[in-house]
Amino acid sequence: MATFVLIHGAGDVAWSWHLVAAELRAKGHDVVAPDLPCEDDGAGLDEYANTSSAGSVIAFHKFHDDLAPGNLGVLCAFGAGYSAGVAVLRKV
């Protein structure tokens, strides 16, 4: 099975992934859907990513500790209503 990291877009919260997360867990996958600090103007890239671009990969970096070497992770993200992205990652 895989670990899915579900990253919400700007101005949203992790709850927006709750239906997807429930389906993935029911199929035996691990799911991480962190709330990113959208409201914190002082948050930098290590604390916040608001698009499905490289910033989401930075957010994934913060939450990858549960992946064992060789495991697959799936990063799913969406931006402020205009973009979506998915990346499959393997921890080395």
Protein backbone atom coordinates (compact mmCIF):
# COMPACT_ATOMS: atom_id res chain seq x y z
CA MET A 1 0.00 0.00 0.00
CA ALA A 2 1.02 3.64 -0.32
CA THR A 3 1.10 6.71 1.87
CA PHE A 4 -0.95 9.58 0.47
CA VAL A 5 -0.11 13.14 1.49
CA LEU A 6 -3.09 15.36 0.71
CA ILE A 7 -2.24 19.06 0.55
CA HIS A 8 -5.03 21.63 0.52
CA GLY A 9 -4.98 24.87 -1.42
CA ALA A 10 -4.74 28.46 -0.25
CA GLY A 11 -7.47 29.52 2.14
CA ASP A 12 -8.66 25.94 2.60
CA VAL A 13 -8.20 23.29 5.31
CA ALA A 14 -7.32 19.60 5.46
CA TRP A 15 -11.01 18.73 5.96
CA SER A 16 -11.56 19.35 2.25
CA TRP A 17 -9.90 15.95 1.69
CA HIS A 18 -12.05 14.03 4.24
CA LEU A 19 -14.04 12.00 1.69
CA VAL A 20 -10.93 11.06 -0.29
CA ALA A 21 -9.02 10.23 2.91
CA ALA A 22 -11.81 7.92 4.12
CA GLU A 23 -11.84 6.02 0.81
CA LEU A 24 -8.05 5.63 0.80
CA ARG A 25 -7.97 4.42 4.42
CA ALA A 26 -10.77 1.95 3.67
CA LYS A 27 -8.53 0.49 0.97
CA GLY A 28 -5.64 0.10 3.44
CA HIS A 29 -3.55 3.14 2.54
CA ASP A 30 -1.99 5.55 5.03
CA VAL A 31 -3.17 9.15 4.71
CA VAL A 32 -1.69 12.42 5.97
CA ALA A 33 -3.72 15.61 5.43
CA PRO A 34 -2.08 18.43 7.40
CA ASP A 35 -3.67 21.80 8.02
CA LEU A 36 -1.27 24.37 6.61
CA PRO A 37 -1.08 27.81 8.27
CA CYS A 38 -2.88 29.82 5.57
CA GLU A 39 -3.72 32.62 7.99
CA ASP A 40 -0.13 33.10 9.22
CA ASP A 41 1.43 35.93 7.22
CA GLY A 42 4.82 35.14 8.75
CA ALA A 43 4.87 31.51 7.61
CA GLY A 44 7.59 30.68 5.11
CA LEU A 45 7.93 27.79 2.67
CA ASP A 46 8.79 25.34 5.47
CA GLU A 47 5.43 26.08 7.11
CA TYR A 48 3.13 26.67 4.18
CA ALA A 49 2.57 25.71 0.57
CA ASN A 50 -0.52 27.08 -1.19
CA THR A 51 -0.33 25.58 -4.64
CA SER A 52 0.12 22.19 -6.23
CA SER A 53 3.54 23.22 -7.49
CA ALA A 54 6.95 22.94 -5.84
CA GLY A 55 5.62 24.40 -2.59
CA SER A 56 3.57 21.24 -2.03
CA VAL A 57 6.70 19.13 -2.39
CA ILE A 58 8.24 21.24 0.39
CA ALA A 59 5.16 20.52 2.54
CA PHE A 60 5.53 16.79 1.76
CA HIS A 61 9.14 16.99 2.95
CA LYS A 62 7.87 18.06 6.39
CA PHE A 63 5.53 15.05 6.70
CA HIS A 64 7.56 12.20 5.18
CA ASP A 65 9.00 10.67 8.36
CA ASP A 66 6.51 7.77 8.45
CA LEU A 67 7.68 6.52 5.06
CA ALA A 68 10.19 3.69 5.30
CA PRO A 69 13.01 3.48 2.74
CA GLY A 70 11.65 1.98 -0.47
CA ASN A 71 8.02 2.85 0.32
CA LEU A 72 5.89 4.75 -2.15
CA GLY A 73 4.21 8.03 -1.32
CA VAL A 74 1.59 9.81 -3.37
CA LEU A 75 1.43 13.60 -3.11
CA CYS A 76 -1.97 15.02 -4.08
CA ALA A 77 -2.48 18.75 -4.01
CA PHE A 78 -4.68 21.53 -5.31
CA GLY A 79 -4.19 25.26 -5.54
CA ALA A 80 -6.65 28.09 -5.07
CA GLY A 81 -9.29 26.56 -7.33
CA TYR A 82 -7.20 26.63 -10.46
CA SER A 83 -4.66 23.82 -10.36
CA ALA A 84 -4.25 20.23 -9.27
CA GLY A 85 -1.26 17.97 -9.13
CA VAL A 86 -0.18 14.45 -8.25
CA ALA A 87 3.32 13.04 -7.83
CA VAL A 88 4.36 9.48 -6.94
CA LEU A 89 7.49 9.43 -4.78
CA ARG A 90 9.74 6.64 -3.46
CA LYS A 91 11.79 7.21 -0.32
CA VAL A 92 15.42 6.20 -0.74
